[in-house]
C-alpha atoms as a PDB file:
ATOM      1  CA  MET A   1      24.296  -6.486 -35.799  1.00  0.00           C
ATOM      2  CA  TYR A   2      22.765  -6.534 -32.031  1.00  0.00           C
ATOM      3  CA  HIS A   3      21.335  -3.223 -30.911  1.00  0.00           C
ATOM      4  CA  VAL A   4      21.206  -3.268 -27.117  1.00  0.00           C
ATOM      5  CA  ILE A   5      18.863  -1.461 -25.370  1.00  0.00           C
ATOM      6  CA  VAL A   6      19.982  -1.363 -21.585  1.00  0.00           C
ATOM      7  CA  ASN A   7      18.198   0.128 -18.488  1.00  0.00           C
ATOM      8  CA  PRO A   8      21.335   0.609 -16.285  1.00  0.00           C
ATOM      9  CA  GLY A   9      19.270   1.776 -13.346  1.00  0.00           C
ATOM     10  CA  SER A  10      17.004  -1.665 -13.356  1.00  0.00           C
ATOM     11  CA  ARG A  11      16.717  -3.256 -10.036  1.00  0.00           C
ATOM     12  CA  SER A  12      18.859  -0.949  -8.403  1.00  0.00           C
ATOM     13  CA  GLY A  13      21.678  -1.067 -10.817  1.00  0.00           C
ATOM     14  CA  ALA A  14      21.728  -4.837 -11.891  1.00  0.00           C
ATOM     15  CA  GLY A  15      20.802  -3.711 -15.406  1.00  0.00           C
ATOM     16  CA  ASN A  16      24.232  -1.892 -15.686  1.00  0.00           C
ATOM     17  CA  ARG A  17      26.465  -4.542 -14.028  1.00  0.00           C
ATOM     18  CA  ILE A  18      24.776  -7.552 -16.222  1.00  0.00           C
ATOM     19  CA  TRP A  19      25.544  -5.383 -19.485  1.00  0.00           C
ATOM     20  CA  GLN A  20      29.248  -4.619 -18.503  1.00  0.00           C
ATOM     21  CA  GLY A  21      30.050  -8.217 -18.397  1.00  0.00           C
ATOM     22  CA  LEU A  22      28.103  -8.817 -21.554  1.00  0.00           C
ATOM     23  CA  ARG A  23      29.430  -6.196 -23.195  1.00  0.00           C
ATOM     24  CA  SER A  24      33.015  -7.545 -22.622  1.00  0.00           C
ATOM     25  CA  ARG A  25      31.918 -10.765 -23.786  1.00  0.00           C
ATOM     26  CA  PHE A  26      30.861  -9.391 -26.926  1.00  0.00           C
ATOM     27  CA  LEU A  27      34.189  -7.447 -27.514  1.00  0.00           C
ATOM     28  CA  ALA A  28      35.969 -10.676 -26.980  1.00  0.00           C
ATOM     29  CA  GLU A  29      33.936 -12.387 -29.220  1.00  0.00           C
ATOM     30  CA  ASN A  30      33.959  -9.653 -32.019  1.00  0.00           C
ATOM     31  CA  VAL A  31      30.112  -9.450 -31.848  1.00  0.00           C
ATOM     32  CA  LYS A  32      28.773  -6.392 -33.518  1.00  0.00           C
ATOM     33  CA  PHE A  33      26.570  -4.242 -31.610  1.00  0.00           C
ATOM     34  CA  LYS A  34      25.694  -0.911 -30.820  1.00  0.00           C
ATOM     35  CA  GLU A  35      24.212   0.281 -27.382  1.00  0.00           C
ATOM     36  CA  TYR A  36      21.701   2.461 -26.213  1.00  0.00           C
ATOM     37  CA  ARG A  37      21.379   3.473 -22.639  1.00  0.00           C
ATOM     38  CA  THR A  38      18.046   4.651 -21.317  1.00  0.00           C
ATOM     39  CA  CYS A  39      18.081   8.123 -19.490  1.00  0.00           C
ATOM     40  CA  TYR A  40      14.630   8.389 -18.308  1.00  0.00           C
ATOM     41  CA  ARG A  41      11.149   7.015 -18.042  1.00  0.00           C
ATOM     42  CA  GLY A  42       9.997   6.563 -21.788  1.00  0.00           C
ATOM     43  CA  HIS A  43      13.475   6.576 -23.479  1.00  0.00           C
ATOM     44  CA  ALA A  44      13.560   3.136 -24.304  1.00  0.00           C
ATOM     45  CA  GLY A  45      10.266   3.274 -26.388  1.00  0.00           C
ATOM     46  CA  ARG A  46      11.755   6.476 -28.294  1.00  0.00           C
ATOM     47  CA  ILE A  47      15.177   4.366 -28.911  1.00  0.00           C
ATOM     48  CA  ALA A  48      13.186   1.625 -30.249  1.00  0.00           C
ATOM     49  CA  SER A  49      10.997   3.701 -32.460  1.00  0.00           C
ATOM     50  CA  SER A  50      13.841   5.401 -34.061  1.00  0.00           C
ATOM     51  CA  ILE A  51      16.204   2.140 -34.845  1.00  0.00           C
ATOM     52  CA  THR A  52      12.965   0.173 -35.941  1.00  0.00           C
ATOM     53  CA  ALA A  53      11.773   2.922 -38.395  1.00  0.00           C
ATOM     54  CA  PRO A  54      11.358   1.914 -41.911  1.00  0.00           C
ATOM     55  CA  GLY A  55      14.390   1.992 -44.226  1.00  0.00           C
ATOM     56  CA  VAL A  56      16.514   1.804 -40.885  1.00  0.00           C
ATOM     57  CA  TRP A  57      15.907  -1.468 -39.687  1.00  0.00           C
ATOM     58  CA  LYS A  58      17.336  -4.323 -41.124  1.00  0.00           C
ATOM     59  CA  GLU A  59      15.459  -7.738 -40.685  1.00  0.00           C
ATOM     60  CA  GLU A  60      18.501  -9.956 -39.846  1.00  0.00           C
ATOM     61  CA  ASP A  61      19.489  -7.557 -36.971  1.00  0.00           C
ATOM     62  CA  LEU A  62      18.472  -8.572 -33.223  1.00  0.00           C
ATOM     63  CA  LEU A  63      17.042  -6.161 -30.965  1.00  0.00           C
ATOM     64  CA  VAL A  64      18.369  -6.764 -27.423  1.00  0.00           C
ATOM     65  CA  VAL A  65      16.765  -5.395 -24.235  1.00  0.00           C
ATOM     66  CA  ILE A  66      18.288  -5.537 -20.685  1.00  0.00           C
ATOM     67  CA  GLY A  67      15.938  -4.336 -18.306  1.00  0.00           C
ATOM     68  CA  GLY A  68      12.706  -5.145 -16.256  1.00  0.00           C
ATOM     69  CA  ASP A  69       9.240  -5.772 -17.762  1.00  0.00           C
ATOM     70  CA  GLY A  70       8.649  -1.701 -17.741  1.00  0.00           C
ATOM     71  CA  THR A  71      11.680  -1.663 -20.142  1.00  0.00           C
ATOM     72  CA  VAL A  72       9.961  -4.377 -22.203  1.00  0.00           C
ATOM     73  CA  ASN A  73       6.984  -2.420 -22.256  1.00  0.00           C
ATOM     74  CA  GLU A  74       8.389   0.704 -23.615  1.00  0.00           C
ATOM     75  CA  VAL A  75      10.234  -1.078 -26.108  1.00  0.00           C
ATOM     76  CA  VAL A  76       7.263  -2.979 -27.368  1.00  0.00           C
ATOM     77  CA  THR A  77       5.223   0.311 -27.419  1.00  0.00           C
ATOM     78  CA  GLY A  78       7.923   1.707 -29.469  1.00  0.00           C
ATOM     79  CA  ILE A  79       8.659  -0.880 -32.195  1.00  0.00           C
ATOM     80  CA  ARG A  80       7.508   0.419 -35.636  1.00  0.00           C
ATOM     81  CA  GLN A  81       7.599  -2.880 -37.676  1.00  0.00           C
ATOM     82  CA  LEU A  82       6.613  -5.717 -35.411  1.00  0.00           C
ATOM     83  CA  GLN A  83       6.660  -8.699 -37.726  1.00  0.00           C
ATOM     84  CA  LYS A  84      10.043  -7.570 -38.907  1.00  0.00           C
ATOM     85  CA  VAL A  85      11.677  -7.228 -35.328  1.00  0.00           C
ATOM     86  CA  THR A  86      13.294 -10.248 -33.242  1.00  0.00           C
ATOM     87  CA  LEU A  87      13.737  -9.674 -29.941  1.00  0.00           C
ATOM     88  CA  GLY A  88      16.108 -10.977 -27.570  1.00  0.00           C
ATOM     89  CA  TYR A  89      15.789 -10.465 -23.625  1.00  0.00           C
ATOM     90  CA  ILE A  90      17.975 -10.375 -20.576  1.00  0.00           C
ATOM     91  CA  PRO A  91      16.007  -9.671 -17.631  1.00  0.00           C
ATOM     92  CA  SER A  92      17.028  -7.516 -14.730  1.00  0.00           C
ATOM     93  CA  GLY A  93      13.880  -6.350 -13.199  1.00  0.00           C
ATOM     94  CA  SER A  94      11.928  -7.649 -10.194  1.00  0.00           C
ATOM     95  CA  GLY A  95       8.817  -9.108 -11.240  1.00  0.00           C
ATOM     96  CA  ASN A  96      10.333 -10.409 -14.798  1.00  0.00           C
ATOM     97  CA  ASP A  97       6.931 -12.068 -15.740  1.00  0.00           C
ATOM     98  CA  PHE A  98       7.889 -11.462 -19.683  1.00  0.00           C
ATOM     99  CA  ALA A  99      10.863 -13.833 -19.126  1.00  0.00           C
ATOM    100  CA  ARG A 100       8.726 -16.163 -16.891  1.00  0.00           C
ATOM    101  CA  GLY A 101       6.189 -16.596 -19.509  1.00  0.00           C
ATOM    102  CA  LEU A 102       8.573 -17.199 -22.152  1.00  0.00           C
ATOM    103  CA  GLN A 103      10.837 -19.710 -19.969  1.00  0.00           C
ATOM    104  CA  ILE A 104      13.741 -17.166 -20.441  1.00  0.00           C
ATOM    105  CA  PRO A 105      16.145 -17.785 -17.308  1.00  0.00           C
ATOM    106  CA  SER A 106      16.421 -15.182 -14.736  1.00  0.00           C
ATOM    107  CA  ASP A 107      20.030 -16.051 -14.621  1.00  0.00           C
ATOM    108  CA  ALA A 108      21.602 -13.400 -17.021  1.00  0.00           C
ATOM    109  CA  GLU A 109      24.167 -15.538 -18.507  1.00  0.00           C
ATOM    110  CA  LYS A 110      21.724 -18.390 -19.077  1.00  0.00           C
ATOM    111  CA  ALA A 111      19.491 -15.656 -20.761  1.00  0.00           C
ATOM    112  CA  ALA A 112      22.550 -14.287 -22.658  1.00  0.00           C
ATOM    113  CA  GLU A 113      22.960 -17.777 -24.195  1.00  0.00           C
ATOM    114  CA  LEU A 114      19.570 -17.643 -25.916  1.00  0.00           C
ATOM    115  CA  LEU A 115      20.731 -14.664 -28.109  1.00  0.00           C
ATOM    116  CA  ARG A 116      22.547 -17.715 -29.726  1.00  0.00           C
ATOM    117  CA  THR A 117      20.640 -20.551 -29.106  1.00  0.00           C
ATOM    118  CA  GLY A 118      17.338 -19.546 -28.596  1.00  0.00           C
ATOM    119  CA  LYS A 119      14.257 -20.291 -30.989  1.00  0.00           C
ATOM    120  CA  PRO A 120      12.213 -17.680 -32.258  1.00  0.00           C
ATOM    121  CA  VAL A 121       8.768 -17.925 -31.238  1.00  0.00           C
ATOM    122  CA  ALA A 122       5.854 -15.322 -32.901  1.00  0.00           C
ATOM    123  CA  ILE A 123       3.787 -13.822 -29.793  1.00  0.00           C
ATOM    124  CA  ASP A 124       0.888 -11.651 -29.797  1.00  0.00           C
ATOM    125  CA  VAL A 125       1.129  -8.023 -28.705  1.00  0.00           C
ATOM    126  CA  GLY A 126      -1.758  -6.470 -26.937  1.00  0.00           C
ATOM    127  CA  ARG A 127      -2.996  -2.796 -27.667  1.00  0.00           C
ATOM    128  CA  VAL A 128      -5.179  -0.194 -25.304  1.00  0.00           C
ATOM    129  CA  HIS A 129      -6.945   2.615 -26.439  1.00  0.00           C
ATOM    130  CA  THR A 130      -7.379   4.752 -23.772  1.00  0.00           C
ATOM    131  CA  GLY A 131      -7.517   8.832 -23.006  1.00  0.00           C
ATOM    132  CA  GLY A 132      -6.924   9.398 -26.627  1.00  0.00           C
ATOM    133  CA  LYS A 133      -3.865   7.326 -26.642  1.00  0.00           C
ATOM    134  CA  ILE A 134      -2.688   3.847 -27.988  1.00  0.00           C
ATOM    135  CA  ARG A 135      -0.196   1.717 -25.748  1.00  0.00           C
ATOM    136  CA  ARG A 136       0.997  -1.904 -26.253  1.00  0.00           C
ATOM    137  CA  PHE A 137       1.662  -4.379 -23.474  1.00  0.00           C
ATOM    138  CA  ALA A 138       3.214  -8.106 -23.868  1.00  0.00           C
ATOM    139  CA  ILE A 139       2.474  -9.422 -20.442  1.00  0.00           C
ATOM    140  CA  SER A 140      -1.241  -7.683 -19.182  1.00  0.00           C
ATOM    141  CA  SER A 141      -3.115  -4.902 -18.771  1.00  0.00           C
ATOM    142  CA  GLY A 142      -5.354  -4.030 -16.124  1.00  0.00           C
ATOM    143  CA  ILE A 143      -7.887  -1.438 -14.415  1.00  0.00           C
ATOM    144  CA  GLY A 144      -8.771  -1.275 -10.722  1.00  0.00           C
ATOM    145  CA  PHE A 145      -6.940  -2.965  -7.754  1.00  0.00           C
ATOM    146  CA  ASP A 146      -4.086  -4.534  -9.658  1.00  0.00           C
ATOM    147  CA  ALA A 147      -3.235  -1.160 -11.438  1.00  0.00           C
ATOM    148  CA  SER A 148      -3.442   0.507  -8.362  1.00  0.00           C
ATOM    149  CA  ILE A 149      -0.497  -1.582  -6.871  1.00  0.00           C
ATOM    150  CA  CYS A 150       1.445  -0.977  -9.811  1.00  0.00           C
ATOM    151  CA  HIS A 151       1.100   2.847  -9.710  1.00  0.00           C
ATOM    152  CA  GLU A 152       1.999   2.871  -5.946  1.00  0.00           C
ATOM    153  CA  ALA A 153       5.248   0.444  -6.615  1.00  0.00           C
ATOM    154  CA  LEU A 154       6.492   2.898  -9.459  1.00  0.00           C
ATOM    155  CA  SER A 155       7.102   5.589  -6.679  1.00  0.00           C
ATOM    156  CA  SER A 156       7.627   3.599  -3.567  1.00  0.00           C
ATOM    157  CA  PRO A 157      11.246   3.818  -2.011  1.00  0.00           C
ATOM    158  CA  ILE A 158      10.188   0.362  -0.624  1.00  0.00           C
ATOM    159  CA  LYS A 159      10.819  -0.875  -3.892  1.00  0.00           C
ATOM    160  CA  ASN A 160      14.354   0.317  -4.225  1.00  0.00           C
ATOM    161  CA  VAL A 161      15.477  -1.032  -0.733  1.00  0.00           C
ATOM    162  CA  LEU A 162      13.828  -4.756  -1.708  1.00  0.00           C
ATOM    163  CA  ASN A 163      15.653  -4.733  -4.815  1.00  0.00           C
ATOM    164  CA  PHE A 164      18.738  -3.979  -2.905  1.00  0.00           C
ATOM    165  CA  LEU A 165      18.123  -7.212  -0.861  1.00  0.00           C
ATOM    166  CA  HIS A 166      17.135  -9.061  -3.841  1.00  0.00           C
ATOM    167  CA  LEU A 167      13.465  -9.238  -2.559  1.00  0.00           C
ATOM    168  CA  GLY A 168      11.815  -6.934  -5.370  1.00  0.00           C
ATOM    169  CA  LYS A 169       8.611  -9.260  -5.510  1.00  0.00           C
ATOM    170  CA  MET A 170       7.861  -8.435  -1.911  1.00  0.00           C
ATOM    171  CA  THR A 171       7.106  -4.775  -3.237  1.00  0.00           C
ATOM    172  CA  TYR A 172       3.895  -5.847  -4.774  1.00  0.00           C
ATOM    173  CA  ILE A 173       3.069  -8.194  -1.794  1.00  0.00           C
ATOM    174  CA  ALA A 174       3.302  -5.305   0.823  1.00  0.00           C
ATOM    175  CA  ILE A 175       1.479  -2.637  -1.412  1.00  0.00           C
ATOM    176  CA  ALA A 176      -1.107  -5.169  -2.047  1.00  0.00           C
ATOM    177  CA  LEU A 177      -1.964  -6.132   1.643  1.00  0.00           C
ATOM    178  CA  ARG A 178      -1.925  -2.264   2.597  1.00  0.00           C
ATOM    179  CA  GLN A 179      -4.472  -1.823  -0.108  1.00  0.00           C
ATOM    180  CA  LEU A 180      -6.325  -4.959  -0.129  1.00  0.00           C
ATOM    181  CA  LEU A 181      -8.941  -3.812   2.505  1.00  0.00           C
ATOM    182  CA  SER A 182      -9.226  -0.008   1.748  1.00  0.00           C
ATOM    183  CA  PHE A 183      -9.572  -0.468  -2.143  1.00  0.00           C
ATOM    184  CA  GLN A 184     -13.126   0.275  -3.123  1.00  0.00           C
ATOM    185  CA  ASP A 185     -14.910  -1.597  -5.785  1.00  0.00           C
ATOM    186  CA  PHE A 186     -16.406  -0.149  -8.895  1.00  0.00           C
ATOM    187  CA  PRO A 187     -19.128  -0.813 -11.402  1.00  0.00           C
ATOM    188  CA  MET A 188     -18.097  -1.934 -14.805  1.00  0.00           C
ATOM    189  CA  GLU A 189     -19.794  -2.272 -18.032  1.00  0.00           C
ATOM    190  CA  PHE A 190     -17.801  -4.955 -19.982  1.00  0.00           C
ATOM    191  CA  ARG A 191     -18.734  -5.649 -23.867  1.00  0.00           C
ATOM    192  CA  LEU A 192     -17.169  -8.123 -26.275  1.00  0.00           C
ATOM    193  CA  GLU A 193     -16.640  -7.635 -30.015  1.00  0.00           C
ATOM    194  CA  ASN A 194     -19.693 -10.052 -30.665  1.00  0.00           C
ATOM    195  CA  GLY A 195     -21.893  -7.193 -28.931  1.00  0.00           C
ATOM    196  CA  ARG A 196     -22.397  -9.244 -25.899  1.00  0.00           C
ATOM    197  CA  LYS A 197     -22.540  -6.860 -22.720  1.00  0.00           C
ATOM    198  CA  ILE A 198     -22.097  -7.503 -18.968  1.00  0.00           C
ATOM    199  CA  THR A 199     -22.659  -5.373 -16.226  1.00  0.00           C
ATOM    200  CA  PHE A 200     -20.647  -6.203 -12.987  1.00  0.00           C
ATOM    201  CA  ARG A 201     -21.747  -4.329 -10.026  1.00  0.00           C
ATOM    202  CA  ARG A 202     -18.738  -4.655  -7.547  1.00  0.00           C
ATOM    203  CA  VAL A 203     -15.554  -5.093  -9.429  1.00  0.00           C
ATOM    204  CA  LEU A 204     -12.078  -5.236  -7.522  1.00  0.00           C
ATOM    205  CA  PHE A 205      -9.808  -5.364 -11.060  1.00  0.00           C
ATOM    206  CA  ALA A 206     -10.354  -6.564 -14.344  1.00  0.00           C
ATOM    207  CA  ALA A 207      -7.100  -7.659 -16.181  1.00  0.00           C
ATOM    208  CA  ALA A 208      -6.327  -8.599 -19.820  1.00  0.00           C
ATOM    209  CA  MET A 209      -3.558 -11.288 -19.702  1.00  0.00           C
ATOM    210  CA  ASN A 210      -1.447 -12.271 -22.548  1.00  0.00           C
ATOM    211  CA  MET A 211       0.981 -14.206 -20.377  1.00  0.00           C
ATOM    212  CA  LYS A 212      -0.425 -16.175 -17.214  1.00  0.00           C
ATOM    213  CA  CYS A 213       1.372 -14.346 -14.536  1.00  0.00           C
ATOM    214  CA  GLU A 214       1.716 -10.648 -13.710  1.00  0.00           C
ATOM    215  CA  GLY A 215       2.923  -8.752 -10.299  1.00  0.00           C
ATOM    216  CA  GLY A 216       6.101 -11.300 -10.327  1.00  0.00           C
ATOM    217  CA  GLY A 217       4.334 -14.691 -10.838  1.00  0.00           C
ATOM    218  CA  VAL A 218       0.871 -14.471  -9.818  1.00  0.00           C
ATOM    219  CA  LYS A 219      -1.002 -16.673 -12.334  1.00  0.00           C
ATOM    220  CA  PHE A 220      -4.177 -15.056 -12.768  1.00  0.00           C
ATOM    221  CA  CYS A 221      -4.917 -16.741 -16.022  1.00  0.00           C
ATOM    222  CA  PRO A 222      -3.321 -20.209 -16.110  1.00  0.00           C
ATOM    223  CA  ASP A 223      -4.435 -21.143 -19.539  1.00  0.00           C
ATOM    224  CA  ALA A 224      -3.540 -17.740 -21.268  1.00  0.00           C
ATOM    225  CA  ASP A 225      -1.727 -18.662 -24.291  1.00  0.00           C
ATOM    226  CA  TRP A 226       0.600 -15.874 -25.781  1.00  0.00           C
ATOM    227  CA  ALA A 227       0.277 -17.041 -29.413  1.00  0.00           C
ATOM    228  CA  ASP A 228      -3.668 -17.690 -29.969  1.00  0.00           C
ATOM    229  CA  GLY A 229      -4.889 -14.362 -31.034  1.00  0.00           C
ATOM    230  CA  ASN A 230      -6.808 -13.658 -27.572  1.00  0.00           C
ATOM    231  CA  MET A 231      -6.568 -12.130 -24.454  1.00  0.00           C
ATOM    232  CA  ASP A 232      -7.318 -13.851 -21.580  1.00  0.00           C
ATOM    233  CA  TRP A 233      -9.464 -11.884 -19.068  1.00  0.00           C
ATOM    234  CA  ILE A 234     -10.100 -11.897 -15.327  1.00  0.00           C
ATOM    235  CA  ILE A 235     -12.285 -10.098 -13.927  1.00  0.00           C
ATOM    236  CA  VAL A 236     -13.039 -10.276  -9.770  1.00  0.00           C
ATOM    237  CA  GLU A 237     -16.180  -9.178  -8.433  1.00  0.00           C
ATOM    238  CA  GLY A 238     -18.185  -9.168  -5.274  1.00  0.00           C
ATOM    239  CA  MET A 239     -15.369 -10.703  -3.192  1.00  0.00           C
ATOM    240  CA  ALA A 240     -15.786 -10.237   0.460  1.00  0.00           C
ATOM    241  CA  ARG A 241     -12.584  -8.276   2.260  1.00  0.00           C
ATOM    242  CA  TRP A 242     -11.688 -11.418   4.336  1.00  0.00           C
ATOM    243  CA  LYS A 243     -11.868 -13.592   1.285  1.00  0.00           C
ATOM    244  CA  ARG A 244      -9.270 -11.400  -0.701  1.00  0.00           C
ATOM    245  CA  LEU A 245      -6.533 -12.192   1.644  1.00  0.00           C
ATOM    246  CA  ALA A 246      -7.007 -16.029   0.169  1.00  0.00           C
ATOM    247  CA  LEU A 247      -7.022 -14.808  -3.267  1.00  0.00           C
ATOM    248  CA  PHE A 248      -3.645 -13.743  -4.051  1.00  0.00           C
ATOM    249  CA  PRO A 249      -1.676 -16.421  -2.557  1.00  0.00           C
ATOM    250  CA  LEU A 250      -3.828 -19.172  -4.479  1.00  0.00           C
ATOM    251  CA  ALA A 251      -3.568 -17.196  -7.688  1.00  0.00           C
ATOM    252  CA  VAL A 252       0.345 -17.791  -7.318  1.00  0.00           C
ATOM    253  CA  LEU A 253      -0.404 -21.363  -7.501  1.00  0.00           C
ATOM    254  CA  GLY A 254      -3.215 -20.939 -10.351  1.00  0.00           C
ATOM    255  CA  LYS A 255      -5.596 -22.320  -7.726  1.00  0.00           C
ATOM    256  CA  HIS A 256      -7.911 -19.305  -7.331  1.00  0.00           C
ATOM    257  CA  THR A 257     -10.295 -20.025 -10.554  1.00  0.00           C
ATOM    258  CA  GLY A 258     -13.004 -22.132  -8.730  1.00  0.00           C
ATOM    259  CA  PHE A 259     -13.791 -19.013  -6.660  1.00  0.00           C
ATOM    260  CA  ARG A 260     -17.527 -17.854  -7.842  1.00  0.00           C
ATOM    261  CA  GLU A 261     -16.222 -14.389  -7.659  1.00  0.00           C
ATOM    262  CA  VAL A 262     -13.511 -14.988 -10.136  1.00  0.00           C
ATOM    263  CA  HIS A 263     -14.812 -14.440 -13.748  1.00  0.00           C
ATOM    264  CA  ILE A 264     -12.418 -15.362 -16.913  1.00  0.00           C
ATOM    265  CA  CYS A 265     -13.308 -15.146 -20.525  1.00  0.00           C
ATOM    266  CA  ARG A 266     -11.297 -15.120 -23.644  1.00  0.00           C
ATOM    267  CA  ALA A 267     -11.553 -12.390 -26.378  1.00  0.00           C
ATOM    268  CA  ARG A 268      -9.768 -10.643 -29.084  1.00  0.00           C
ATOM    269  CA  THR A 269     -11.290  -7.480 -28.446  1.00  0.00           C
ATOM    270  CA  ALA A 270     -13.288  -6.119 -25.226  1.00  0.00           C
ATOM    271  CA  MET A 271     -14.178  -2.521 -24.202  1.00  0.00           C
ATOM    272  CA  LEU A 272     -14.966  -1.757 -20.600  1.00  0.00           C
ATOM    273  CA  LYS A 273     -16.396   1.557 -19.146  1.00  0.00           C
ATOM    274  CA  THR A 274     -16.749   2.248 -15.592  1.00  0.00           C
ATOM    275  CA  ASP A 275     -18.267   5.156 -13.195  1.00  0.00           C
ATOM    276  CA  ARG A 276     -15.217   6.937 -12.550  1.00  0.00           C
ATOM    277  CA  ARG A 277     -11.518   7.354 -13.382  1.00  0.00           C
ATOM    278  CA  LEU A 278      -9.566   4.626 -11.870  1.00  0.00           C
ATOM    279  CA  PRO A 279      -5.713   3.408 -12.334  1.00  0.00           C
ATOM    280  CA  VAL A 280      -4.790   1.537 -15.217  1.00  0.00           C
ATOM    281  CA  HIS A 281      -1.522  -0.237 -16.090  1.00  0.00           C
ATOM    282  CA  MET A 282       0.161  -1.938 -18.911  1.00  0.00           C
ATOM    283  CA  ASP A 283       2.873  -4.644 -17.947  1.00  0.00           C
ATOM    284  CA  GLY A 284       2.739  -2.542 -14.549  1.00  0.00           C
ATOM    285  CA  GLU A 285       3.614   0.865 -16.234  1.00  0.00           C
ATOM    286  CA  SER A 286       1.198   3.619 -15.422  1.00  0.00           C
ATOM    287  CA  GLY A 287      -1.550   4.241 -17.950  1.00  0.00           C
ATOM    288  CA  GLY A 288      -2.816   7.201 -15.493  1.00  0.00           C
ATOM    289  CA  LEU A 289      -6.536   7.363 -14.586  1.00  0.00           C
ATOM    290  CA  GLN A 290      -9.081   6.301 -17.010  1.00  0.00           C
ATOM    291  CA  GLU A 291     -12.715   5.307 -17.110  1.00  0.00           C
ATOM    292  CA  GLN A 292     -12.980   3.683 -20.391  1.00  0.00           C
ATOM    293  CA  LEU A 293     -10.485   1.554 -22.430  1.00  0.00           C
ATOM    294  CA  THR A 294     -10.619  -0.812 -25.211  1.00  0.00           C
ATOM    295  CA  VAL A 295      -8.217  -3.696 -25.498  1.00  0.00           C
ATOM    296  CA  THR A 296      -7.380  -5.570 -28.423  1.00  0.00           C
ATOM    297  CA  VAL A 297      -4.679  -7.827 -30.051  1.00  0.00           C
ATOM    298  CA  GLU A 298      -2.360  -6.323 -32.669  1.00  0.00           C
ATOM    299  CA  PRO A 299      -2.796  -7.793 -36.009  1.00  0.00           C
ATOM    300  CA  GLU A 300       1.133  -8.590 -36.187  1.00  0.00           C
ATOM    301  CA  GLN A 301       3.037 -10.872 -33.728  1.00  0.00           C
ATOM    302  CA  LEU A 302       6.621 -10.276 -32.598  1.00  0.00           C
ATOM    303  CA  ARG A 303       9.417 -12.692 -32.689  1.00  0.00           C
ATOM    304  CA  VAL A 304      11.311 -13.181 -29.247  1.00  0.00           C
ATOM    305  CA  LEU A 305      14.089 -15.553 -28.781  1.00  0.00           C
ATOM    306  CA  SER A 306      12.994 -17.861 -26.184  1.00  0.00           C
ATOM    307  CA  GLY A 307      13.822 -20.972 -24.108  1.00  0.00           C
ATOM    308  CA  TYR A 308       9.981 -22.262 -24.636  1.00  0.00           C
ATOM    309  CA  LEU A 309      10.057 -25.835 -25.949  1.00  0.00           C
ATOM    310  CA  PRO A 310       6.875 -26.819 -27.346  1.00  0.00           C
ATOM    311  CA  TYR A 311       5.415 -30.353 -26.254  1.00  0.00           C
END
């Protein structure tokens, strides 16, 4: 049985169009499925929580998601039994970093083929404790500048226009350029699970990366491995404003790690504290304004049908 969670509004209605085509195909091929359409922000998580509950979910079933990275985030956060669920994904968002990380085609028909031919791979799932709440993420979670971009993009009318023109990735670039010279650096205390504490004085942003890319293909942590039981952290500190203009174009190519202001480390658990409340994101979705958070890796992994071919 396929349980299909559809965000019909993703990328200006692309989610709905993709689902209508796939639904017709399922009916023609006598595929057993149930459809669940999201109606509001957070709805995908509620649906996932309900259908994966103990006694309800059957391990041989497949949970299919049609939407963007935000929809994936809601679903992953809502899943009740990570180790018993296999996820199939058809991307219909603007960033699609989850699909990029797992080599799932951006073409809907090719992605749909993986529901039958894809190989299940076990991936890590991140967990964020902040503001008295727990949220998960599959791609990345960050605080500071990158999260500020995500916050603005979620409410920006520019995103809808650019999605309509199939230029959704430009949303993040446009907002980043506007904020780049005005965002105020912040001090941060960073503590690893082994007790090591590092103090940074002028941080632009800090992000825990499960996948190599966020923000529509920005390869912040080129060596990140979604199955190694750790998160790769990038912390950018003390970078001159003019130099920031070069950071993001180089990061798209993964060529930014030579900057002395770019710090990268790997950890299963890390805690950070800032001097003020700052934007936080999980997979591009808002985590509100926070001044302290703990990021770790869930003890259970999630199976995903992937186009990934091991070497």
